All heavy atoms as atom14 arrays in JSON, in Angstrom:
{
  "sequence": "KGDMSIVGPRPERLFYEKQIEEKAPYYSLVHKVQPGITSWGMVKYG",
  "atom14_mask": [
    [1, 1, 1, 1, 1, 1, 1, 1, 1, 0, 0, 0, 0, 0],
    [1, 1, 1, 1, 0, 0, 0, 0, 0, 0, 0, 0, 0, 0],
    [1, 1, 1, 1, 1, 1, 1, 1, 0, 0, 0, 0, 0, 0],
    [1, 1, 1, 1, 1, 1, 1, 1, 0, 0, 0, 0, 0, 0],
    [1, 1, 1, 1, 1, 1, 0, 0, 0, 0, 0, 0, 0, 0],
    [1, 1, 1, 1, 1, 1, 1, 1, 0, 0, 0, 0, 0, 0],
    [1, 1, 1, 1, 1, 1, 1, 0, 0, 0, 0, 0, 0, 0],
    [1, 1, 1, 1, 0, 0, 0, 0, 0, 0, 0, 0, 0, 0],
    [1, 1, 1, 1, 1, 1, 1, 0, 0, 0, 0, 0, 0, 0],
    [1, 1, 1, 1, 1, 1, 1, 1, 1, 1, 1, 0, 0, 0],
    [1, 1, 1, 1, 1, 1, 1, 0, 0, 0, 0, 0, 0, 0],
    [1, 1, 1, 1, 1, 1, 1, 1, 1, 0, 0, 0, 0, 0],
    [1, 1, 1, 1, 1, 1, 1, 1, 1, 1, 1, 0, 0, 0],
    [1, 1, 1, 1, 1, 1, 1, 1, 0, 0, 0, 0, 0, 0],
    [1, 1, 1, 1, 1, 1, 1, 1, 1, 1, 1, 0, 0, 0],
    [1, 1, 1, 1, 1, 1, 1, 1, 1, 1, 1, 1, 0, 0],
    [1, 1, 1, 1, 1, 1, 1, 1, 1, 0, 0, 0, 0, 0],
    [1, 1, 1, 1, 1, 1, 1, 1, 1, 0, 0, 0, 0, 0],
    [1, 1, 1, 1, 1, 1, 1, 1, 1, 0, 0, 0, 0, 0],
    [1, 1, 1, 1, 1, 1, 1, 1, 0, 0, 0, 0, 0, 0],
    [1, 1, 1, 1, 1, 1, 1, 1, 1, 0, 0, 0, 0, 0],
    [1, 1, 1, 1, 1, 1, 1, 1, 1, 0, 0, 0, 0, 0],
    [1, 1, 1, 1, 1, 1, 1, 1, 1, 0, 0, 0, 0, 0],
    [1, 1, 1, 1, 1, 0, 0, 0, 0, 0, 0, 0, 0, 0],
    [1, 1, 1, 1, 1, 1, 1, 0, 0, 0, 0, 0, 0, 0],
    [1, 1, 1, 1, 1, 1, 1, 1, 1, 1, 1, 1, 0, 0],
    [1, 1, 1, 1, 1, 1, 1, 1, 1, 1, 1, 1, 0, 0],
    [1, 1, 1, 1, 1, 1, 0, 0, 0, 0, 0, 0, 0, 0],
    [1, 1, 1, 1, 1, 1, 1, 1, 0, 0, 0, 0, 0, 0],
    [1, 1, 1, 1, 1, 1, 1, 0, 0, 0, 0, 0, 0, 0],
    [1, 1, 1, 1, 1, 1, 1, 1, 1, 1, 0, 0, 0, 0],
    [1, 1, 1, 1, 1, 1, 1, 1, 1, 0, 0, 0, 0, 0],
    [1, 1, 1, 1, 1, 1, 1, 0, 0, 0, 0, 0, 0, 0],
    [1, 1, 1, 1, 1, 1, 1, 1, 1, 0, 0, 0, 0, 0],
    [1, 1, 1, 1, 1, 1, 1, 0, 0, 0, 0, 0, 0, 0],
    [1, 1, 1, 1, 0, 0, 0, 0, 0, 0, 0, 0, 0, 0],
    [1, 1, 1, 1, 1, 1, 1, 1, 0, 0, 0, 0, 0, 0],
    [1, 1, 1, 1, 1, 1, 1, 0, 0, 0, 0, 0, 0, 0],
    [1, 1, 1, 1, 1, 1, 0, 0, 0, 0, 0, 0, 0, 0],
    [1, 1, 1, 1, 1, 1, 1, 1, 1, 1, 1, 1, 1, 1],
    [1, 1, 1, 1, 0, 0, 0, 0, 0, 0, 0, 0, 0, 0],
    [1, 1, 1, 1, 1, 1, 1, 1, 0, 0, 0, 0, 0, 0],
    [1, 1, 1, 1, 1, 1, 1, 0, 0, 0, 0, 0, 0, 0],
    [1, 1, 1, 1, 1, 1, 1, 1, 1, 0, 0, 0, 0, 0],
    [1, 1, 1, 1, 1, 1, 1, 1, 1, 1, 1, 1, 0, 0],
    [1, 1, 1, 1, 0, 0, 0, 0, 0, 0, 0, 0, 0, 0]
  ],
  "atom14_positions": [
    [[-20.47, -1.36, -6.77], [-19.89, -0.67, -7.95], [-18.52, -1.33, -8.39], [-18.09, -1.18, -9.5], [-19.56, 0.75, -7.55], [-20.65, 1.65, -7.24], [-20.31, 2.98, -6.96], [-19.37, 3.68, -8.09], [-18.91, 5.07, -7.64], [0.0, 0.0, 0.0], [0.0, 0.0, 0.0], [0.0, 0.0, 0.0], [0.0, 0.0, 0.0], [0.0, 0.0, 0.0]],
    [[-18.04, -2.18, -7.59], [-16.81, -2.92, -7.96], [-15.53, -2.15, -7.41], [-14.35, -2.64, -7.83], [0.0, 0.0, 0.0], [0.0, 0.0, 0.0], [0.0, 0.0, 0.0], [0.0, 0.0, 0.0], [0.0, 0.0, 0.0], [0.0, 0.0, 0.0], [0.0, 0.0, 0.0], [0.0, 0.0, 0.0], [0.0, 0.0, 0.0], [0.0, 0.0, 0.0]],
    [[-15.66, -1.14, -6.72], [-14.52, -0.36, -6.22], [-13.82, -1.18, -5.06], [-12.6, -1.03, -4.81], [-14.84, 1.02, -5.7], [-15.37, 1.9, -6.88], [-14.86, 1.71, -7.99], [-16.21, 2.68, -6.6], [0.0, 0.0, 0.0], [0.0, 0.0, 0.0], [0.0, 0.0, 0.0], [0.0, 0.0, 0.0], [0.0, 0.0, 0.0], [0.0, 0.0, 0.0]],
    [[-14.67, -1.85, -4.35], [-14.14, -2.44, -3.02], [-14.62, -3.92, -2.97], [-15.57, -4.33, -3.71], [-14.61, -1.66, -1.87], [-14.08, -0.27, -1.7], [-14.7, 0.69, -0.31], [-14.03, -0.24, 1.03], [0.0, 0.0, 0.0], [0.0, 0.0, 0.0], [0.0, 0.0, 0.0], [0.0, 0.0, 0.0], [0.0, 0.0, 0.0], [0.0, 0.0, 0.0]],
    [[-14.04, -4.56, -1.94], [-14.65, -5.97, -1.64], [-15.07, -5.9, -0.14], [-14.82, -4.96, 0.57], [-13.5, -6.94, -1.78], [-13.95, -8.3, -1.5], [0.0, 0.0, 0.0], [0.0, 0.0, 0.0], [0.0, 0.0, 0.0], [0.0, 0.0, 0.0], [0.0, 0.0, 0.0], [0.0, 0.0, 0.0], [0.0, 0.0, 0.0], [0.0, 0.0, 0.0]],
    [[-15.71, -6.91, 0.28], [-16.08, -6.99, 1.75], [-14.93, -7.14, 2.59], [-14.73, -6.34, 3.59], [-17.03, -8.25, 2.03], [-18.35, -8.1, 1.14], [-17.41, -8.18, 3.46], [-19.24, -6.98, 1.47], [0.0, 0.0, 0.0], [0.0, 0.0, 0.0], [0.0, 0.0, 0.0], [0.0, 0.0, 0.0], [0.0, 0.0, 0.0], [0.0, 0.0, 0.0]],
    [[-13.98, -7.98, 2.19], [-12.75, -8.21, 2.99], [-11.53, -7.83, 2.07], [-11.46, -8.35, 0.97], [-12.62, -9.65, 3.43], [-11.32, -9.75, 4.27], [-13.89, -10.0, 4.34], [0.0, 0.0, 0.0], [0.0, 0.0, 0.0], [0.0, 0.0, 0.0], [0.0, 0.0, 0.0], [0.0, 0.0, 0.0], [0.0, 0.0, 0.0], [0.0, 0.0, 0.0]],
    [[-10.65, -7.02, 2.61], [-9.43, -6.76, 1.93], [-8.67, -5.53, 2.68], [-9.37, -4.95, 3.59], [0.0, 0.0, 0.0], [0.0, 0.0, 0.0], [0.0, 0.0, 0.0], [0.0, 0.0, 0.0], [0.0, 0.0, 0.0], [0.0, 0.0, 0.0], [0.0, 0.0, 0.0], [0.0, 0.0, 0.0], [0.0, 0.0, 0.0], [0.0, 0.0, 0.0]],
    [[-7.59, -5.25, 2.37], [-6.79, -4.21, 3.07], [-7.51, -2.83, 2.97], [-8.13, -2.63, 1.86], [-5.47, -4.1, 2.24], [-5.32, -5.41, 1.66], [-6.67, -5.89, 1.35], [0.0, 0.0, 0.0], [0.0, 0.0, 0.0], [0.0, 0.0, 0.0], [0.0, 0.0, 0.0], [0.0, 0.0, 0.0], [0.0, 0.0, 0.0], [0.0, 0.0, 0.0]],
    [[-7.57, -2.11, 3.99], [-8.26, -0.86, 4.01], [-7.59, 0.08, 3.18], [-6.41, 0.34, 3.08], [-8.32, -0.18, 5.42], [-9.35, -0.98, 6.32], [-10.78, -0.81, 5.79], [-11.15, 0.61, 5.9], [-12.31, 1.07, 5.41], [-13.12, 0.24, 4.72], [-12.7, 2.39, 5.57], [0.0, 0.0, 0.0], [0.0, 0.0, 0.0], [0.0, 0.0, 0.0]],
    [[-8.36, 0.89, 2.28], [-7.64, 1.89, 1.31], [-7.36, 3.09, 2.09], [-8.01, 3.56, 3.01], [-8.9, 2.07, 0.3], [-10.14, 1.91, 1.16], [-9.87, 0.72, 2.13], [0.0, 0.0, 0.0], [0.0, 0.0, 0.0], [0.0, 0.0, 0.0], [0.0, 0.0, 0.0], [0.0, 0.0, 0.0], [0.0, 0.0, 0.0], [0.0, 0.0, 0.0]],
    [[-6.21, 3.71, 1.69], [-5.86, 4.9, 2.26], [-5.79, 6.06, 1.18], [-5.83, 5.8, -0.06], [-4.41, 4.78, 2.89], [-4.28, 3.79, 3.91], [-5.02, 4.23, 5.15], [-5.45, 5.34, 5.33], [-5.14, 3.4, 6.08], [0.0, 0.0, 0.0], [0.0, 0.0, 0.0], [0.0, 0.0, 0.0], [0.0, 0.0, 0.0], [0.0, 0.0, 0.0]],
    [[-5.67, 7.31, 1.69], [-5.52, 8.4, 0.74], [-4.06, 8.45, 0.24], [-3.05, 8.0, 0.9], [-5.78, 9.7, 1.45], [-7.27, 9.93, 1.72], [-7.6, 11.23, 2.35], [-7.41, 11.07, 3.83], [-7.57, 12.09, 4.64], [-8.02, 13.28, 4.15], [-7.38, 11.91, 5.88], [0.0, 0.0, 0.0], [0.0, 0.0, 0.0], [0.0, 0.0, 0.0]],
    [[-3.87, 9.04, -1.04], [-2.62, 9.11, -1.61], [-1.59, 9.88, -0.67], [-0.37, 9.51, -0.63], [-2.69, 9.83, -2.97], [-1.31, 9.92, -3.77], [-0.81, 8.54, -4.12], [-1.61, 10.65, -5.01], [0.0, 0.0, 0.0], [0.0, 0.0, 0.0], [0.0, 0.0, 0.0], [0.0, 0.0, 0.0], [0.0, 0.0, 0.0], [0.0, 0.0, 0.0]],
    [[-2.12, 10.91, 0.08], [-1.25, 11.77, 0.9], [-0.59, 10.77, 2.0], [0.61, 10.92, 2.26], [-2.22, 12.68, 1.67], [-1.49, 13.52, 2.62], [-0.7, 14.61, 2.25], [-1.56, 13.23, 3.94], [-0.05, 15.5, 3.19], [-0.86, 13.97, 4.95], [-0.12, 15.13, 4.58], [0.0, 0.0, 0.0], [0.0, 0.0, 0.0], [0.0, 0.0, 0.0]],
    [[-1.32, 9.82, 2.54], [-0.75, 8.93, 3.55], [0.01, 7.77, 2.94], [0.95, 7.18, 3.56], [-1.85, 8.44, 4.46], [-2.36, 9.62, 5.36], [-3.62, 10.15, 5.21], [-1.54, 10.2, 6.36], [-4.13, 11.07, 5.95], [-2.09, 11.19, 7.15], [-3.36, 11.62, 6.99], [-3.81, 12.66, 7.66], [0.0, 0.0, 0.0], [0.0, 0.0, 0.0]],
    [[-0.51, 7.46, 1.77], [0.28, 6.21, 1.04], [1.75, 6.56, 0.9], [2.65, 5.72, 1.06], [-0.41, 5.8, -0.3], [-1.64, 5.08, -0.05], [-1.93, 4.21, -1.26], [-1.29, 4.38, -2.22], [-2.94, 3.37, -1.31], [0.0, 0.0, 0.0], [0.0, 0.0, 0.0], [0.0, 0.0, 0.0], [0.0, 0.0, 0.0], [0.0, 0.0, 0.0]],
    [[1.99, 7.74, 0.41], [3.32, 8.24, 0.17], [4.24, 8.16, 1.43], [5.3, 7.82, 1.39], [3.41, 9.6, -0.43], [2.8, 9.57, -1.89], [2.82, 11.06, -2.42], [2.38, 11.1, -3.88], [2.3, 12.49, -4.39], [0.0, 0.0, 0.0], [0.0, 0.0, 0.0], [0.0, 0.0, 0.0], [0.0, 0.0, 0.0], [0.0, 0.0, 0.0]],
    [[3.56, 8.49, 2.62], [4.33, 8.48, 3.79], [4.61, 7.09, 4.4], [5.59, 6.78, 4.85], [3.52, 9.38, 4.82], [3.31, 10.86, 4.64], [2.55, 11.5, 5.72], [2.83, 11.42, 6.91], [1.59, 12.33, 5.33], [0.0, 0.0, 0.0], [0.0, 0.0, 0.0], [0.0, 0.0, 0.0], [0.0, 0.0, 0.0], [0.0, 0.0, 0.0]],
    [[3.58, 6.24, 4.08], [3.7, 4.87, 4.49], [4.86, 4.17, 3.64], [5.64, 3.46, 4.09], [2.4, 4.08, 4.27], [1.33, 4.73, 5.18], [2.61, 2.62, 4.59], [-0.03, 4.07, 5.04], [0.0, 0.0, 0.0], [0.0, 0.0, 0.0], [0.0, 0.0, 0.0], [0.0, 0.0, 0.0], [0.0, 0.0, 0.0], [0.0, 0.0, 0.0]],
    [[4.88, 4.46, 2.36], [5.82, 3.83, 1.47], [7.24, 4.26, 1.79], [8.25, 3.55, 1.55], [5.58, 4.18, 0.0], [4.32, 3.43, -0.56], [4.04, 3.81, -1.98], [4.81, 4.67, -2.63], [3.02, 3.35, -2.59], [0.0, 0.0, 0.0], [0.0, 0.0, 0.0], [0.0, 0.0, 0.0], [0.0, 0.0, 0.0], [0.0, 0.0, 0.0]],
    [[7.41, 5.49, 2.4], [8.78, 5.95, 2.77], [9.35, 4.91, 3.85], [10.51, 4.7, 4.02], [8.8, 7.34, 3.28], [8.5, 8.3, 2.1], [8.43, 9.76, 2.67], [8.56, 9.9, 3.91], [8.26, 10.74, 1.85], [0.0, 0.0, 0.0], [0.0, 0.0, 0.0], [0.0, 0.0, 0.0], [0.0, 0.0, 0.0], [0.0, 0.0, 0.0]],
    [[8.39, 4.44, 4.73], [8.83, 3.6, 5.87], [8.61, 2.14, 5.59], [9.35, 1.28, 6.17], [8.01, 3.92, 7.13], [8.16, 5.37, 7.61], [7.36, 5.66, 8.94], [7.67, 7.0, 9.37], [6.98, 7.37, 10.67], [0.0, 0.0, 0.0], [0.0, 0.0, 0.0], [0.0, 0.0, 0.0], [0.0, 0.0, 0.0], [0.0, 0.0, 0.0]],
    [[7.71, 1.85, 4.63], [7.46, 0.51, 4.25], [7.29, 0.42, 2.71], [6.13, 0.5, 2.2], [6.2, -0.11, 4.96], [0.0, 0.0, 0.0], [0.0, 0.0, 0.0], [0.0, 0.0, 0.0], [0.0, 0.0, 0.0], [0.0, 0.0, 0.0], [0.0, 0.0, 0.0], [0.0, 0.0, 0.0], [0.0, 0.0, 0.0], [0.0, 0.0, 0.0]],
    [[8.36, 0.3, 1.95], [8.3, 0.26, 0.52], [7.39, -0.75, -0.1], [6.91, -0.61, -1.24], [9.84, 0.11, 0.1], [10.57, 0.53, 1.28], [9.83, 0.18, 2.44], [0.0, 0.0, 0.0], [0.0, 0.0, 0.0], [0.0, 0.0, 0.0], [0.0, 0.0, 0.0], [0.0, 0.0, 0.0], [0.0, 0.0, 0.0], [0.0, 0.0, 0.0]],
    [[7.14, -1.76, 0.69], [6.37, -2.97, 0.18], [4.86, -2.71, 0.29], [4.03, -3.52, 0.01], [6.78, -4.23, 0.93], [6.68, -4.13, 2.48], [5.55, -4.22, 3.2], [7.85, -3.74, 3.1], [5.52, -4.01, 4.57], [7.94, -3.54, 4.5], [6.75, -3.71, 5.2], [6.76, -3.58, 6.64], [0.0, 0.0, 0.0], [0.0, 0.0, 0.0]],
    [[4.48, -1.49, 0.78], [3.03, -1.12, 1.02], [2.24, -1.43, -0.22], [1.06, -1.82, -0.25], [2.99, 0.34, 1.43], [1.51, 0.74, 1.51], [0.77, 0.31, 2.54], [0.84, 1.51, 0.54], [-0.69, 0.72, 2.74], [-0.45, 1.81, 0.5], [-1.24, 1.46, 1.65], [-2.53, 1.82, 1.73], [0.0, 0.0, 0.0], [0.0, 0.0, 0.0]],
    [[2.79, -1.15, -1.41], [2.12, -1.23, -2.67], [1.54, -2.56, -2.94], [0.73, -2.78, -3.84], [2.95, -0.71, -3.94], [4.06, -1.54, -4.03], [0.0, 0.0, 0.0], [0.0, 0.0, 0.0], [0.0, 0.0, 0.0], [0.0, 0.0, 0.0], [0.0, 0.0, 0.0], [0.0, 0.0, 0.0], [0.0, 0.0, 0.0], [0.0, 0.0, 0.0]],
    [[2.03, -3.67, -2.27], [1.54, -4.97, -2.44], [-0.03, -5.02, -2.12], [-0.57, -5.86, -2.73], [2.26, -5.92, -1.5], [3.71, -6.2, -1.84], [4.36, -7.1, -0.75], [3.77, -6.9, -3.19], [0.0, 0.0, 0.0], [0.0, 0.0, 0.0], [0.0, 0.0, 0.0], [0.0, 0.0, 0.0], [0.0, 0.0, 0.0], [0.0, 0.0, 0.0]],
    [[-0.45, -4.16, -1.38], [-1.89, -4.18, -1.1], [-2.76, -3.89, -2.28], [-3.89, -4.23, -2.28], [-2.28, -3.34, 0.13], [-1.49, -3.68, 1.45], [-1.99, -1.74, -0.23], [0.0, 0.0, 0.0], [0.0, 0.0, 0.0], [0.0, 0.0, 0.0], [0.0, 0.0, 0.0], [0.0, 0.0, 0.0], [0.0, 0.0, 0.0], [0.0, 0.0, 0.0]],
    [[-2.17, -3.31, -3.25], [-2.91, -2.98, -4.47], [-3.06, -4.14, -5.36], [-3.66, -3.95, -6.46], [-2.12, -1.86, -5.22], [-2.14, -0.46, -4.48], [-3.12, -0.05, -3.74], [-1.12, 0.43, -4.28], [-2.87, 1.16, -3.17], [-1.56, 1.4, -3.54], [0.0, 0.0, 0.0], [0.0, 0.0, 0.0], [0.0, 0.0, 0.0], [0.0, 0.0, 0.0]],
    [[-2.63, -5.29, -5.05], [-2.78, -6.42, -5.82], [-4.19, -6.93, -5.7], [-4.69, -7.66, -6.64], [-1.89, -7.65, -5.36], [-0.49, -7.33, -5.65], [0.43, -8.58, -5.65], [0.39, -9.34, -4.39], [1.23, -10.51, -4.4], [0.0, 0.0, 0.0], [0.0, 0.0, 0.0], [0.0, 0.0, 0.0], [0.0, 0.0, 0.0], [0.0, 0.0, 0.0]],
    [[-5.02, -6.55, -4.67], [-6.38, -6.96, -4.42], [-7.25, -5.66, -4.22], [-6.73, -4.66, -3.94], [-6.47, -7.9, -3.23], [-5.72, -9.15, -3.49], [-5.98, -7.18, -1.92], [0.0, 0.0, 0.0], [0.0, 0.0, 0.0], [0.0, 0.0, 0.0], [0.0, 0.0, 0.0], [0.0, 0.0, 0.0], [0.0, 0.0, 0.0], [0.0, 0.0, 0.0]],
    [[-8.5, -5.9, -4.36], [-9.45, -4.86, -4.1], [-9.37, -4.53, -2.56], [-9.31, -5.33, -1.71], [-10.86, -5.17, -4.45], [-11.05, -5.17, -6.01], [-12.58, -5.48, -6.3], [-13.2, -6.3, -5.72], [-13.09, -4.76, -7.27], [0.0, 0.0, 0.0], [0.0, 0.0, 0.0], [0.0, 0.0, 0.0], [0.0, 0.0, 0.0], [0.0, 0.0, 0.0]],
    [[-9.47, -3.17, -2.27], [-9.56, -2.85, -0.85], [-10.88, -3.27, -0.23], [-11.84, -3.58, -0.94], [-9.42, -1.35, -0.83], [-9.95, -0.96, -2.19], [-9.55, -1.96, -3.17], [0.0, 0.0, 0.0], [0.0, 0.0, 0.0], [0.0, 0.0, 0.0], [0.0, 0.0, 0.0], [0.0, 0.0, 0.0], [0.0, 0.0, 0.0], [0.0, 0.0, 0.0]],
    [[-10.89, -3.41, 1.03], [-12.14, -3.89, 1.66], [-12.7, -2.98, 2.67], [-12.21, -2.1, 3.27], [0.0, 0.0, 0.0], [0.0, 0.0, 0.0], [0.0, 0.0, 0.0], [0.0, 0.0, 0.0], [0.0, 0.0, 0.0], [0.0, 0.0, 0.0], [0.0, 0.0, 0.0], [0.0, 0.0, 0.0], [0.0, 0.0, 0.0], [0.0, 0.0, 0.0]],
    [[-13.99, -3.33, 3.02], [-14.71, -2.64, 4.15], [-14.08, -3.0, 5.49], [-13.91, -2.19, 6.39], [-16.13, -3.01, 4.15], [-16.81, -2.46, 2.87], [-16.81, -2.4, 5.34], [-18.32, -2.79, 2.77], [0.0, 0.0, 0.0], [0.0, 0.0, 0.0], [0.0, 0.0, 0.0], [0.0, 0.0, 0.0], [0.0, 0.0, 0.0], [0.0, 0.0, 0.0]],
    [[-13.7, -4.18, 5.58], [-12.94, -4.83, 6.87], [-11.76, -5.53, 6.37], [-11.63, -5.98, 5.23], [-13.9, -5.61, 7.65], [-13.19, -5.89, 8.86], [-14.27, -6.84, 6.96], [0.0, 0.0, 0.0], [0.0, 0.0, 0.0], [0.0, 0.0, 0.0], [0.0, 0.0, 0.0], [0.0, 0.0, 0.0], [0.0, 0.0, 0.0], [0.0, 0.0, 0.0]],
    [[-10.8, -5.73, 7.29], [-9.54, -6.46, 6.92], [-9.01, -7.07, 8.24], [-9.53, -6.75, 9.3], [-8.54, -5.41, 6.46], [-8.11, -4.5, 7.5], [0.0, 0.0, 0.0], [0.0, 0.0, 0.0], [0.0, 0.0, 0.0], [0.0, 0.0, 0.0], [0.0, 0.0, 0.0], [0.0, 0.0, 0.0], [0.0, 0.0, 0.0], [0.0, 0.0, 0.0]],
    [[-8.03, -7.92, 8.14], [-7.45, -8.56, 9.27], [-6.75, -7.45, 10.13], [-6.71, -7.57, 11.31], [-6.46, -9.58, 8.81], [-6.06, -10.51, 10.0], [-6.78, -10.69, 11.18], [-4.9, -11.29, 10.07], [-6.11, -11.56, 11.91], [-4.91, -12.02, 11.43], [-3.87, -11.67, 9.19], [-3.95, -12.85, 11.66], [-2.86, -12.47, 9.54], [-2.91, -13.2, 10.87]],
    [[-6.16, -6.4, 9.44], [-5.55, -5.39, 10.2], [-6.48, -4.63, 11.05], [-6.26, -4.14, 12.12], [0.0, 0.0, 0.0], [0.0, 0.0, 0.0], [0.0, 0.0, 0.0], [0.0, 0.0, 0.0], [0.0, 0.0, 0.0], [0.0, 0.0, 0.0], [0.0, 0.0, 0.0], [0.0, 0.0, 0.0], [0.0, 0.0, 0.0], [0.0, 0.0, 0.0]],
    [[-7.75, -4.37, 10.37], [-8.8, -3.68, 11.2], [-9.24, -4.52, 12.45], [-9.51, -3.98, 13.51], [-10.03, -3.29, 10.3], [-9.69, -2.28, 9.3], [-9.25, -0.61, 10.11], [-10.88, -0.23, 10.74], [0.0, 0.0, 0.0], [0.0, 0.0, 0.0], [0.0, 0.0, 0.0], [0.0, 0.0, 0.0], [0.0, 0.0, 0.0], [0.0, 0.0, 0.0]],
    [[-9.43, -5.88, 12.2], [-9.88, -6.74, 13.29], [-8.81, -6.84, 14.41], [-9.12, -6.78, 15.58], [-10.12, -8.2, 12.63], [-10.37, -9.13, 13.78], [-11.4, -8.04, 11.81], [0.0, 0.0, 0.0], [0.0, 0.0, 0.0], [0.0, 0.0, 0.0], [0.0, 0.0, 0.0], [0.0, 0.0, 0.0], [0.0, 0.0, 0.0], [0.0, 0.0, 0.0]],
    [[-7.47, -7.03, 13.99], [-6.47, -7.25, 14.99], [-5.98, -5.93, 15.59], [-5.55, -5.92, 16.72], [-5.37, -8.02, 14.37], [-5.74, -9.38, 13.82], [-6.14, -10.38, 14.99], [-4.86, -10.76, 15.78], [-5.18, -11.82, 16.77], [0.0, 0.0, 0.0], [0.0, 0.0, 0.0], [0.0, 0.0, 0.0], [0.0, 0.0, 0.0], [0.0, 0.0, 0.0]],
    [[-6.03, -4.79, 14.71], [-5.41, -3.57, 15.24], [-6.29, -2.41, 15.42], [-6.19, -1.61, 16.41], [-4.25, -3.19, 14.23], [-3.36, -2.2, 14.71], [-2.18, -2.61, 15.36], [-3.47, -0.82, 14.57], [-1.18, -1.68, 15.82], [-2.57, 0.04, 15.03], [-1.42, -0.33, 15.71], [-0.6, 0.58, 16.18], [0.0, 0.0, 0.0], [0.0, 0.0, 0.0]],
    [[-7.35, -2.39, 14.6], [-8.28, -1.33, 14.72], [-7.87, -0.08, 13.94], [-7.06, -0.16, 13.05], [0.0, 0.0, 0.0], [0.0, 0.0, 0.0], [0.0, 0.0, 0.0], [0.0, 0.0, 0.0], [0.0, 0.0, 0.0], [0.0, 0.0, 0.0], [0.0, 0.0, 0.0], [0.0, 0.0, 0.0], [0.0, 0.0, 0.0], [0.0, 0.0, 0.0]]
  ]
}
């Protein structure tokens, strides 16, 4: 559908995005690319 890519940062809910941005204001950088089914974060961290 074009909502996601195979590889890219995992998408989060707005509820948690706001909490993440409070601790990491640069979180919005992940919105520069399509979110993915898998990511380096998922591979390395789970």
